[in-house]
C-alpha atoms as a PDB file:
ATOM      1  CA  UNK A   1      -0.022   0.087   0.054  1.00  0.00           C
ATOM      2  CA  UNK A   2       1.252   3.448  -0.850  1.00  0.00           C
ATOM      3  CA  UNK A   3       1.355   6.440   1.514  1.00  0.00           C
ATOM      4  CA  UNK A   4      -1.428   9.279   1.915  1.00  0.00           C
ATOM      5  CA  UNK A   5      -1.028  12.788   3.225  1.00  0.00           C
ATOM      6  CA  UNK A   6      -2.349  16.354   3.260  1.00  0.00           C
ATOM      7  CA  UNK A   7      -0.146  19.113   1.918  1.00  0.00           C
ATOM      8  CA  UNK A   8      -0.142  22.673   2.516  1.00  0.00           C
ATOM      9  CA  UNK A   9       0.865  25.640   4.699  1.00  0.00           C
ATOM     10  CA  UNK A  10      -0.117  26.117   7.269  1.00  0.00           C
ATOM     11  CA  UNK A  11      -0.990  22.608   7.841  1.00  0.00           C
ATOM     12  CA  UNK A  12      -0.851  21.900  11.698  1.00  0.00           C
ATOM     13  CA  UNK A  13      -4.613  22.671  12.083  1.00  0.00           C
ATOM     14  CA  UNK A  14      -5.793  20.365   9.431  1.00  0.00           C
ATOM     15  CA  UNK A  15      -8.275  17.647  10.439  1.00  0.00           C
ATOM     16  CA  UNK A  16      -7.714  15.674   7.244  1.00  0.00           C
ATOM     17  CA  UNK A  17      -5.474  13.033   8.981  1.00  0.00           C
ATOM     18  CA  UNK A  18      -8.115  12.357  11.612  1.00  0.00           C
ATOM     19  CA  UNK A  19     -10.926  12.105   9.010  1.00  0.00           C
ATOM     20  CA  UNK A  20      -9.069   9.656   6.553  1.00  0.00           C
ATOM     21  CA  UNK A  21      -7.647   7.544   9.297  1.00  0.00           C
ATOM     22  CA  UNK A  22     -11.051   7.048  10.918  1.00  0.00           C
ATOM     23  CA  UNK A  23     -12.633   6.226   7.479  1.00  0.00           C
ATOM     24  CA  UNK A  24      -9.967   3.676   6.606  1.00  0.00           C
ATOM     25  CA  UNK A  25     -10.413   2.040   9.910  1.00  0.00           C
ATOM     26  CA  UNK A  26     -14.164   1.854   9.406  1.00  0.00           C
ATOM     27  CA  UNK A  27     -13.868   0.167   6.102  1.00  0.00           C
ATOM     28  CA  UNK A  28     -11.173  -2.267   7.163  1.00  0.00           C
ATOM     29  CA  UNK A  29      -8.039  -0.697   5.656  1.00  0.00           C
ATOM     30  CA  UNK A  30      -5.813  -1.533   8.668  1.00  0.00           C
ATOM     31  CA  UNK A  31      -2.517  -0.698   6.921  1.00  0.00           C
ATOM     32  CA  UNK A  32      -3.731   2.848   5.747  1.00  0.00           C
ATOM     33  CA  UNK A  33      -1.379   5.698   6.900  1.00  0.00           C
ATOM     34  CA  UNK A  34      -2.117   9.327   6.421  1.00  0.00           C
ATOM     35  CA  UNK A  35       0.115  12.176   7.362  1.00  0.00           C
ATOM     36  CA  UNK A  36       0.522  15.871   6.961  1.00  0.00           C
ATOM     37  CA  UNK A  37       3.416  17.843   5.224  1.00  0.00           C
ATOM     38  CA  UNK A  38       4.175  21.314   5.403  1.00  0.00           C
ATOM     39  CA  UNK A  39       5.031  22.682   2.045  1.00  0.00           C
ATOM     40  CA  UNK A  40       4.902  26.037   0.136  1.00  0.00           C
ATOM     41  CA  UNK A  41       4.027  26.464  -3.644  1.00  0.00           C
ATOM     42  CA  UNK A  42       7.830  26.696  -4.568  1.00  0.00           C
ATOM     43  CA  UNK A  43       8.549  23.289  -2.982  1.00  0.00           C
ATOM     44  CA  UNK A  44       5.671  21.155  -4.165  1.00  0.00           C
ATOM     45  CA  UNK A  45       7.394  19.891  -7.425  1.00  0.00           C
ATOM     46  CA  UNK A  46      10.456  18.750  -5.623  1.00  0.00           C
ATOM     47  CA  UNK A  47       8.431  17.221  -2.748  1.00  0.00           C
ATOM     48  CA  UNK A  48       6.383  15.208  -5.189  1.00  0.00           C
ATOM     49  CA  UNK A  49       9.369  13.929  -7.050  1.00  0.00           C
ATOM     50  CA  UNK A  50      11.265  13.151  -3.892  1.00  0.00           C
ATOM     51  CA  UNK A  51       8.324  11.010  -2.409  1.00  0.00           C
ATOM     52  CA  UNK A  52       7.025   8.761  -5.110  1.00  0.00           C
ATOM     53  CA  UNK A  53       5.494   6.582  -2.298  1.00  0.00           C
ATOM     54  CA  UNK A  54       2.927   9.178  -1.860  1.00  0.00           C
ATOM     55  CA  UNK A  55       0.151   7.998  -4.112  1.00  0.00           C
ATOM     56  CA  UNK A  56      -2.905   9.727  -2.625  1.00  0.00           C
ATOM     57  CA  UNK A  57      -2.799  13.501  -1.648  1.00  0.00           C
ATOM     58  CA  UNK A  58      -5.063  16.157  -0.299  1.00  0.00           C
ATOM     59  CA  UNK A  59      -3.948  19.760  -1.202  1.00  0.00           C
ATOM     60  CA  UNK A  60      -4.933  22.881   0.552  1.00  0.00           C
ATOM     61  CA  UNK A  61      -3.659  26.391   0.712  1.00  0.00           C
ATOM     62  CA  UNK A  62      -1.512  27.663  -1.156  1.00  0.00           C
ATOM     63  CA  UNK A  63      -1.089  24.738  -3.508  1.00  0.00           C
ATOM     64  CA  UNK A  64      -4.283  24.379  -5.546  1.00  0.00           C
ATOM     65  CA  UNK A  65      -3.290  26.486  -8.428  1.00  0.00           C
ATOM     66  CA  UNK A  66       0.287  25.342  -8.472  1.00  0.00           C
ATOM     67  CA  UNK A  67      -1.109  21.713  -8.777  1.00  0.00           C
ATOM     68  CA  UNK A  68      -2.919  22.755 -11.932  1.00  0.00           C
ATOM     69  CA  UNK A  69       0.333  24.188 -13.382  1.00  0.00           C
ATOM     70  CA  UNK A  70       2.126  21.043 -12.767  1.00  0.00           C
ATOM     71  CA  UNK A  71      -0.812  18.924 -14.175  1.00  0.00           C
ATOM     72  CA  UNK A  72      -0.464  20.930 -17.540  1.00  0.00           C
ATOM     73  CA  UNK A  73       3.337  20.666 -17.646  1.00  0.00           C
ATOM     74  CA  UNK A  74       3.326  16.862 -17.035  1.00  0.00           C
ATOM     75  CA  UNK A  75       0.264  15.849 -18.923  1.00  0.00           C
ATOM     76  CA  UNK A  76      -1.789  14.650 -15.894  1.00  0.00           C
ATOM     77  CA  UNK A  77      -5.558  14.024 -16.186  1.00  0.00           C
ATOM     78  CA  UNK A  78      -7.626  17.034 -14.758  1.00  0.00           C
ATOM     79  CA  UNK A  79     -11.306  16.598 -14.055  1.00  0.00           C
ATOM     80  CA  UNK A  80     -13.919  19.013 -15.074  1.00  0.00           C
ATOM     81  CA  UNK A  81     -14.185  20.959 -11.689  1.00  0.00           C
ATOM     82  CA  UNK A  82     -10.482  21.455 -11.395  1.00  0.00           C
ATOM     83  CA  UNK A  83     -10.437  22.777 -14.985  1.00  0.00           C
ATOM     84  CA  UNK A  84     -13.432  25.093 -14.278  1.00  0.00           C
ATOM     85  CA  UNK A  85     -11.954  26.515 -11.042  1.00  0.00           C
ATOM     86  CA  UNK A  86      -8.250  26.626 -12.022  1.00  0.00           C
ATOM     87  CA  UNK A  87      -7.454  24.602  -8.849  1.00  0.00           C
ATOM     88  CA  UNK A  88      -7.153  21.048  -7.478  1.00  0.00           C
ATOM     89  CA  UNK A  89      -7.178  19.577  -4.165  1.00  0.00           C
ATOM     90  CA  UNK A  90      -6.690  16.082  -4.809  1.00  0.00           C
ATOM     91  CA  UNK A  91      -3.795  14.204  -6.520  1.00  0.00           C
ATOM     92  CA  UNK A  92      -3.925  10.473  -7.245  1.00  0.00           C
ATOM     93  CA  UNK A  93      -0.624   8.725  -8.351  1.00  0.00           C
ATOM     94  CA  UNK A  94      -1.300   4.968  -8.809  1.00  0.00           C
ATOM     95  CA  UNK A  95       1.990   2.887  -9.235  1.00  0.00           C
ATOM     96  CA  UNK A  96       0.417   2.060 -12.872  1.00  0.00           C
ATOM     97  CA  UNK A  97      -1.838   4.134 -14.892  1.00  0.00           C
ATOM     98  CA  UNK A  98      -2.527   7.854 -15.422  1.00  0.00           C
ATOM     99  CA  UNK A  99      -2.081  10.519 -12.630  1.00  0.00           C
ATOM    100  CA  UNK A 100      -5.374  12.308 -11.857  1.00  0.00           C
ATOM    101  CA  UNK A 101      -5.943  15.816 -10.385  1.00  0.00           C
ATOM    102  CA  UNK A 102      -9.430  16.374  -8.859  1.00  0.00           C
ATOM    103  CA  UNK A 103     -11.361  19.223  -7.397  1.00  0.00           C
ATOM    104  CA  UNK A 104     -13.630  17.786  -4.661  1.00  0.00           C
ATOM    105  CA  UNK A 105     -14.397  21.158  -3.039  1.00  0.00           C
ATOM    106  CA  UNK A 106     -17.142  22.094  -5.432  1.00  0.00           C
ATOM    107  CA  UNK A 107     -19.138  18.912  -4.563  1.00  0.00           C
ATOM    108  CA  UNK A 108     -18.346  19.659  -0.995  1.00  0.00           C
ATOM    109  CA  UNK A 109     -19.773  23.174  -0.912  1.00  0.00           C
ATOM    110  CA  UNK A 110     -22.872  22.020  -2.819  1.00  0.00           C
ATOM    111  CA  UNK A 111     -23.459  19.084  -0.470  1.00  0.00           C
ATOM    112  CA  UNK A 112     -22.890  21.238   2.544  1.00  0.00           C
ATOM    113  CA  UNK A 113     -25.358  23.758   1.624  1.00  0.00           C
ATOM    114  CA  UNK A 114     -27.914  21.185   0.335  1.00  0.00           C
ATOM    115  CA  UNK A 115     -27.633  19.316   3.568  1.00  0.00           C
ATOM    116  CA  UNK A 116     -28.158  22.392   5.635  1.00  0.00           C
ATOM    117  CA  UNK A 117     -31.286  23.393   3.841  1.00  0.00           C
ATOM    118  CA  UNK A 118     -32.712  19.865   4.218  1.00  0.00           C
ATOM    119  CA  UNK A 119     -32.003  19.879   7.883  1.00  0.00           C
ATOM    120  CA  UNK A 120     -33.970  23.329   8.265  1.00  0.00           C
ATOM    121  CA  UNK A 121     -36.825  21.719   6.312  1.00  0.00           C
ATOM    122  CA  UNK A 122     -36.601  24.627   3.821  1.00  0.00           C
ATOM    123  CA  UNK A 123     -39.140  24.439   1.126  1.00  0.00           C
ATOM    124  CA  UNK A 124     -37.051  26.673  -1.209  1.00  0.00           C
ATOM    125  CA  UNK A 125     -33.620  28.181  -1.141  1.00  0.00           C
ATOM    126  CA  UNK A 126     -33.509  31.532   0.497  1.00  0.00           C
ATOM    127  CA  UNK A 127     -31.848  33.310  -2.429  1.00  0.00           C
ATOM    128  CA  UNK A 128     -32.739  34.371  -5.895  1.00  0.00           C
ATOM    129  CA  UNK A 129     -30.213  34.348  -8.602  1.00  0.00           C
ATOM    130  CA  UNK A 130     -27.482  36.541  -6.945  1.00  0.00           C
ATOM    131  CA  UNK A 131     -24.799  35.939  -4.421  1.00  0.00           C
ATOM    132  CA  UNK A 132     -21.917  37.452  -2.627  1.00  0.00           C
ATOM    133  CA  UNK A 133     -18.602  35.612  -2.586  1.00  0.00           C
ATOM    134  CA  UNK A 134     -15.986  36.778  -0.212  1.00  0.00           C
ATOM    135  CA  UNK A 135     -12.220  36.324  -1.158  1.00  0.00           C
ATOM    136  CA  UNK A 136     -10.581  35.807  -4.446  1.00  0.00           C
ATOM    137  CA  UNK A 137      -8.082  33.029  -3.798  1.00  0.00           C
ATOM    138  CA  UNK A 138      -8.189  29.392  -5.163  1.00  0.00           C
ATOM    139  CA  UNK A 139     -11.338  28.343  -3.166  1.00  0.00           C
ATOM    140  CA  UNK A 140     -13.204  31.214  -4.454  1.00  0.00           C
ATOM    141  CA  UNK A 141     -13.118  29.437  -7.887  1.00  0.00           C
ATOM    142  CA  UNK A 142     -14.751  26.377  -6.280  1.00  0.00           C
ATOM    143  CA  UNK A 143     -17.302  28.712  -4.505  1.00  0.00           C
ATOM    144  CA  UNK A 144     -18.162  30.238  -7.776  1.00  0.00           C
ATOM    145  CA  UNK A 145     -18.695  26.975  -9.733  1.00  0.00           C
ATOM    146  CA  UNK A 146     -20.773  25.770  -6.713  1.00  0.00           C
ATOM    147  CA  UNK A 147     -22.867  29.038  -6.833  1.00  0.00           C
ATOM    148  CA  UNK A 148     -23.424  28.404 -10.522  1.00  0.00           C
ATOM    149  CA  UNK A 149     -24.800  24.993  -9.798  1.00  0.00           C
ATOM    150  CA  UNK A 150     -27.118  26.280  -6.966  1.00  0.00           C
ATOM    151  CA  UNK A 151     -28.844  28.634  -9.547  1.00  0.00           C
ATOM    152  CA  UNK A 152     -26.757  31.775  -9.311  1.00  0.00           C
ATOM    153  CA  UNK A 153     -26.177  34.075 -12.121  1.00  0.00           C
ATOM    154  CA  UNK A 154     -24.968  37.282 -10.636  1.00  0.00           C
ATOM    155  CA  UNK A 155     -22.065  37.563  -8.178  1.00  0.00           C
ATOM    156  CA  UNK A 156     -20.205  40.331  -6.185  1.00  0.00           C
ATOM    157  CA  UNK A 157     -16.650  39.491  -5.358  1.00  0.00           C
ATOM    158  CA  UNK A 158     -15.580  41.184  -2.071  1.00  0.00           C
ATOM    159  CA  UNK A 159     -11.869  41.333  -1.751  1.00  0.00           C
ATOM    160  CA  UNK A 160      -9.297  42.611   0.383  1.00  0.00           C
ATOM    161  CA  UNK A 161      -6.997  43.499  -2.652  1.00  0.00           C
ATOM    162  CA  UNK A 162      -8.636  44.372  -6.008  1.00  0.00           C
ATOM    163  CA  UNK A 163      -5.406  43.644  -7.952  1.00  0.00           C
ATOM    164  CA  UNK A 164      -5.771  40.054  -6.913  1.00  0.00           C
ATOM    165  CA  UNK A 165      -9.293  39.594  -8.066  1.00  0.00           C
ATOM    166  CA  UNK A 166      -8.631  38.810 -11.834  1.00  0.00           C
ATOM    167  CA  UNK A 167      -8.527  34.952 -11.630  1.00  0.00           C
ATOM    168  CA  UNK A 168     -11.767  34.687  -9.570  1.00  0.00           C
ATOM    169  CA  UNK A 169     -13.514  37.152 -11.945  1.00  0.00           C
ATOM    170  CA  UNK A 170     -12.248  35.151 -14.756  1.00  0.00           C
ATOM    171  CA  UNK A 171     -13.675  31.908 -13.435  1.00  0.00           C
ATOM    172  CA  UNK A 172     -17.099  33.756 -12.887  1.00  0.00           C
ATOM    173  CA  UNK A 173     -17.055  35.094 -16.524  1.00  0.00           C
ATOM    174  CA  UNK A 174     -16.152  31.613 -17.919  1.00  0.00           C
ATOM    175  CA  UNK A 175     -19.272  30.221 -16.209  1.00  0.00           C
ATOM    176  CA  UNK A 176     -21.461  32.852 -17.764  1.00  0.00           C
ATOM    177  CA  UNK A 177     -21.894  34.754 -14.409  1.00  0.00           C
ATOM    178  CA  UNK A 178     -22.008  38.630 -14.294  1.00  0.00           C
ATOM    179  CA  UNK A 179     -19.408  39.505 -11.754  1.00  0.00           C
ATOM    180  CA  UNK A 180     -18.342  42.900 -10.082  1.00  0.00           C
ATOM    181  CA  UNK A 181     -15.590  43.428  -7.731  1.00  0.00           C
ATOM    182  CA  UNK A 182     -16.075  45.278  -4.402  1.00  0.00           C
ATOM    183  CA  UNK A 183     -14.006  46.159  -1.350  1.00  0.00           C
ATOM    184  CA  UNK A 184     -14.449  43.747   1.572  1.00  0.00           C
ATOM    185  CA  UNK A 185     -15.158  46.394   4.068  1.00  0.00           C
ATOM    186  CA  UNK A 186     -18.224  47.349   2.013  1.00  0.00           C
ATOM    187  CA  UNK A 187     -19.821  43.808   2.438  1.00  0.00           C
ATOM    188  CA  UNK A 188     -23.194  43.970   4.346  1.00  0.00           C
ATOM    189  CA  UNK A 189     -24.420  40.627   5.760  1.00  0.00           C
ATOM    190  CA  UNK A 190     -27.709  39.650   4.346  1.00  0.00           C
ATOM    191  CA  UNK A 191     -27.874  42.072   1.269  1.00  0.00           C
ATOM    192  CA  UNK A 192     -28.032  38.855  -0.685  1.00  0.00           C
ATOM    193  CA  UNK A 193     -29.607  35.588   0.261  1.00  0.00           C
ATOM    194  CA  UNK A 194     -26.564  33.532  -0.330  1.00  0.00           C
ATOM    195  CA  UNK A 195     -22.988  34.484   0.842  1.00  0.00           C
ATOM    196  CA  UNK A 196     -19.926  32.149   0.272  1.00  0.00           C
ATOM    197  CA  UNK A 197     -16.985  33.088   2.265  1.00  0.00           C
ATOM    198  CA  UNK A 198     -13.566  31.721   1.227  1.00  0.00           C
ATOM    199  CA  UNK A 199     -11.680  33.998   3.628  1.00  0.00           C
ATOM    200  CA  UNK A 200      -9.172  32.626   6.254  1.00  0.00           C
ATOM    201  CA  UNK A 201     -10.662  32.123   9.668  1.00  0.00           C
ATOM    202  CA  UNK A 202     -10.628  35.517  11.522  1.00  0.00           C
ATOM    203  CA  UNK A 203     -10.390  37.594   8.519  1.00  0.00           C
ATOM    204  CA  UNK A 204     -13.883  38.943   9.388  1.00  0.00           C
ATOM    205  CA  UNK A 205     -14.254  40.996  12.651  1.00  0.00           C
ATOM    206  CA  UNK A 206     -17.465  40.078  14.400  1.00  0.00           C
ATOM    207  CA  UNK A 207     -17.509  43.434  16.140  1.00  0.00           C
ATOM    208  CA  UNK A 208     -17.236  45.581  13.157  1.00  0.00           C
ATOM    209  CA  UNK A 209     -19.652  44.017  10.748  1.00  0.00           C
ATOM    210  CA  UNK A 210     -22.720  46.235   9.742  1.00  0.00           C
ATOM    211  CA  UNK A 211     -25.413  43.867  10.840  1.00  0.00           C
ATOM    212  CA  UNK A 212     -29.080  44.164  10.034  1.00  0.00           C
ATOM    213  CA  UNK A 213     -31.418  43.585  12.947  1.00  0.00           C
ATOM    214  CA  UNK A 214     -32.763  40.455  11.359  1.00  0.00           C
ATOM    215  CA  UNK A 215     -31.163  38.307   8.708  1.00  0.00           C
ATOM    216  CA  UNK A 216     -32.512  35.890   5.962  1.00  0.00           C
ATOM    217  CA  UNK A 217     -30.342  33.745   3.987  1.00  0.00           C
ATOM    218  CA  UNK A 218     -27.493  31.456   4.203  1.00  0.00           C
ATOM    219  CA  UNK A 219     -23.901  32.101   5.109  1.00  0.00           C
ATOM    220  CA  UNK A 220     -21.415  29.550   3.978  1.00  0.00           C
ATOM    221  CA  UNK A 221     -17.951  29.749   5.413  1.00  0.00           C
ATOM    222  CA  UNK A 222     -15.071  27.501   4.348  1.00  0.00           C
ATOM    223  CA  UNK A 223     -13.359  28.263   7.649  1.00  0.00           C
ATOM    224  CA  UNK A 224     -14.003  25.874  10.620  1.00  0.00           C
ATOM    225  CA  UNK A 225     -11.351  27.139  13.122  1.00  0.00           C
ATOM    226  CA  UNK A 226     -12.422  28.591  16.455  1.00  0.00           C
ATOM    227  CA  UNK A 227     -11.483  32.126  15.290  1.00  0.00           C
ATOM    228  CA  UNK A 228     -14.390  32.016  12.927  1.00  0.00           C
ATOM    229  CA  UNK A 229     -17.025  31.141  15.582  1.00  0.00           C
ATOM    230  CA  UNK A 230     -17.809  34.778  16.561  1.00  0.00           C
ATOM    231  CA  UNK A 231     -19.033  35.702  13.133  1.00  0.00           C
ATOM    232  CA  UNK A 232     -20.905  32.524  12.727  1.00  0.00           C
ATOM    233  CA  UNK A 233     -22.676  33.021  16.203  1.00  0.00           C
ATOM    234  CA  UNK A 234     -23.530  36.606  15.337  1.00  0.00           C
ATOM    235  CA  UNK A 235     -25.107  35.789  11.970  1.00  0.00           C
ATOM    236  CA  UNK A 236     -27.077  32.798  13.390  1.00  0.00           C
ATOM    237  CA  UNK A 237     -28.229  34.909  16.331  1.00  0.00           C
ATOM    238  CA  UNK A 238     -29.806  37.269  13.807  1.00  0.00           C
ATOM    239  CA  UNK A 239     -31.718  34.556  11.902  1.00  0.00           C
ATOM    240  CA  UNK A 240     -29.104  33.481   9.176  1.00  0.00           C
ATOM    241  CA  UNK A 241     -28.577  29.742   8.245  1.00  0.00           C
ATOM    242  CA  UNK A 242     -24.808  29.470   8.807  1.00  0.00           C
ATOM    243  CA  UNK A 243     -22.686  26.540   7.458  1.00  0.00           C
ATOM    244  CA  UNK A 244     -19.241  26.296   8.634  1.00  0.00           C
ATOM    245  CA  UNK A 245     -16.396  24.735   6.605  1.00  0.00           C
ATOM    246  CA  UNK A 246     -16.479  21.541   8.722  1.00  0.00           C
ATOM    247  CA  UNK A 247     -19.422  20.361   6.559  1.00  0.00           C
ATOM    248  CA  UNK A 248     -17.766  21.065   3.355  1.00  0.00           C
ATOM    249  CA  UNK A 249     -14.527  19.405   4.756  1.00  0.00           C
ATOM    250  CA  UNK A 250     -16.663  16.217   5.413  1.00  0.00           C
ATOM    251  CA  UNK A 251     -18.190  15.994   1.944  1.00  0.00           C
ATOM    252  CA  UNK A 252     -15.184  16.698  -0.074  1.00  0.00           C
ATOM    253  CA  UNK A 253     -13.207  14.360   1.938  1.00  0.00           C
ATOM    254  CA  UNK A 254     -15.756  11.607   1.413  1.00  0.00           C
ATOM    255  CA  UNK A 255     -15.148  12.042  -2.311  1.00  0.00           C
ATOM    256  CA  UNK A 256     -11.411  11.813  -1.847  1.00  0.00           C
ATOM    257  CA  UNK A 257     -11.557   8.788   0.408  1.00  0.00           C
ATOM    258  CA  UNK A 258     -13.531   6.685  -2.108  1.00  0.00           C
ATOM    259  CA  UNK A 259     -10.704   7.360  -4.461  1.00  0.00           C
ATOM    260  CA  UNK A 260      -8.044   6.691  -1.930  1.00  0.00           C
ATOM    261  CA  UNK A 261      -9.671   3.392  -0.852  1.00  0.00           C
ATOM    262  CA  UNK A 262      -9.105   2.268  -4.403  1.00  0.00           C
ATOM    263  CA  UNK A 263      -5.400   3.124  -4.463  1.00  0.00           C
ATOM    264  CA  UNK A 264      -5.300   1.233  -0.987  1.00  0.00           C
ATOM    265  CA  UNK A 265      -6.341  -1.959  -2.695  1.00  0.00           C
ATOM    266  CA  UNK A 266     -10.161  -1.856  -2.380  1.00  0.00           C
ATOM    267  CA  UNK A 267     -12.110  -2.914  -5.411  1.00  0.00           C
ATOM    268  CA  UNK A 268     -13.730  -0.037  -7.204  1.00  0.00           C
ATOM    269  CA  UNK A 269     -17.366  -1.217  -6.573  1.00  0.00           C
ATOM    270  CA  UNK A 270     -16.538  -1.939  -3.008  1.00  0.00           C
ATOM    271  CA  UNK A 271     -15.103   1.402  -2.583  1.00  0.00           C
ATOM    272  CA  UNK A 272     -18.224   3.098  -3.781  1.00  0.00           C
ATOM    273  CA  UNK A 273     -20.474   0.731  -1.623  1.00  0.00           C
ATOM    274  CA  UNK A 274     -18.304   1.960   1.229  1.00  0.00           C
ATOM    275  CA  UNK A 275     -19.436   5.610   0.960  1.00  0.00           C
ATOM    276  CA  UNK A 276     -21.976   5.778   3.587  1.00  0.00           C
ATOM    277  CA  UNK A 277     -19.541   4.140   6.089  1.00  0.00           C
ATOM    278  CA  UNK A 278     -16.797   6.477   5.201  1.00  0.00           C
ATOM    279  CA  UNK A 279     -19.134   9.437   5.622  1.00  0.00           C
ATOM    280  CA  UNK A 280     -20.304   8.229   9.117  1.00  0.00           C
ATOM    281  CA  UNK A 281     -16.718   7.591  10.436  1.00  0.00           C
ATOM    282  CA  UNK A 282     -15.666  11.159   9.251  1.00  0.00           C
ATOM    283  CA  UNK A 283     -18.887  12.770  10.561  1.00  0.00           C
ATOM    284  CA  UNK A 284     -18.405  11.233  13.976  1.00  0.00           C
ATOM    285  CA  UNK A 285     -14.916  12.685  14.038  1.00  0.00           C
ATOM    286  CA  UNK A 286     -16.223  16.040  13.330  1.00  0.00           C
ATOM    287  CA  UNK A 287     -19.056  15.984  15.627  1.00  0.00           C
ATOM    288  CA  UNK A 288     -16.684  14.952  18.519  1.00  0.00           C
ATOM    289  CA  UNK A 289     -14.289  17.876  18.005  1.00  0.00           C
END
């Protein structure tokens, strides 16, 4: 069996090792090992070349766009969501056969939001065809593709630095979305029924946001660290549906682990059948944190 790991920087906070280890144990992969490796963009290529035993990898900030660059240079297969977003979060390197780059973040976002609406018993989504996206990094591309799948046609990109919004705006326009770029301090919670935040935890100050007295709509945040909690509480207290990044982490990790299980020796059909067991094992980890 090959080795598995999550790569990125910073990486110490990542819950991926706990999630994937629990899932592997639940489906009987007793020799499965999954670690974490701190690496910056400039070091990704060298790390991959020097660790051929790493066959299944999760990639987080700041590596998602760099992974696509390497895929293009080396002729790796890239799935549709990775191509659409310009970033990948999964690398599959079997001993034999093609190397695959995937983006499971899009599915993770859509599943997390769909799950939250179902749990609320919502008869309809609390948004029309417009949404706000906070941030313009690689994960913003995934948020934009997810938004399009959720019926969004118009987006406002709220960013800390307008000069870095070009990639995200390009993704939006490639999807046929109309997009405008705005300054992050001008974002008003609840102006639009759907907000997708791709900002790092702590980037929003709960004490300085211009809240309305009552909020309707859904706020999705990729962040799940404790420093994001004050904003989440403030929005929920005013009526918003808040979905933190732990749910996206769960759903995108399930997609990854089905593929990792195949690399670890599980038959393709058995790996797919194990999906509910994988999900339940990961969910138990998240709910116990």
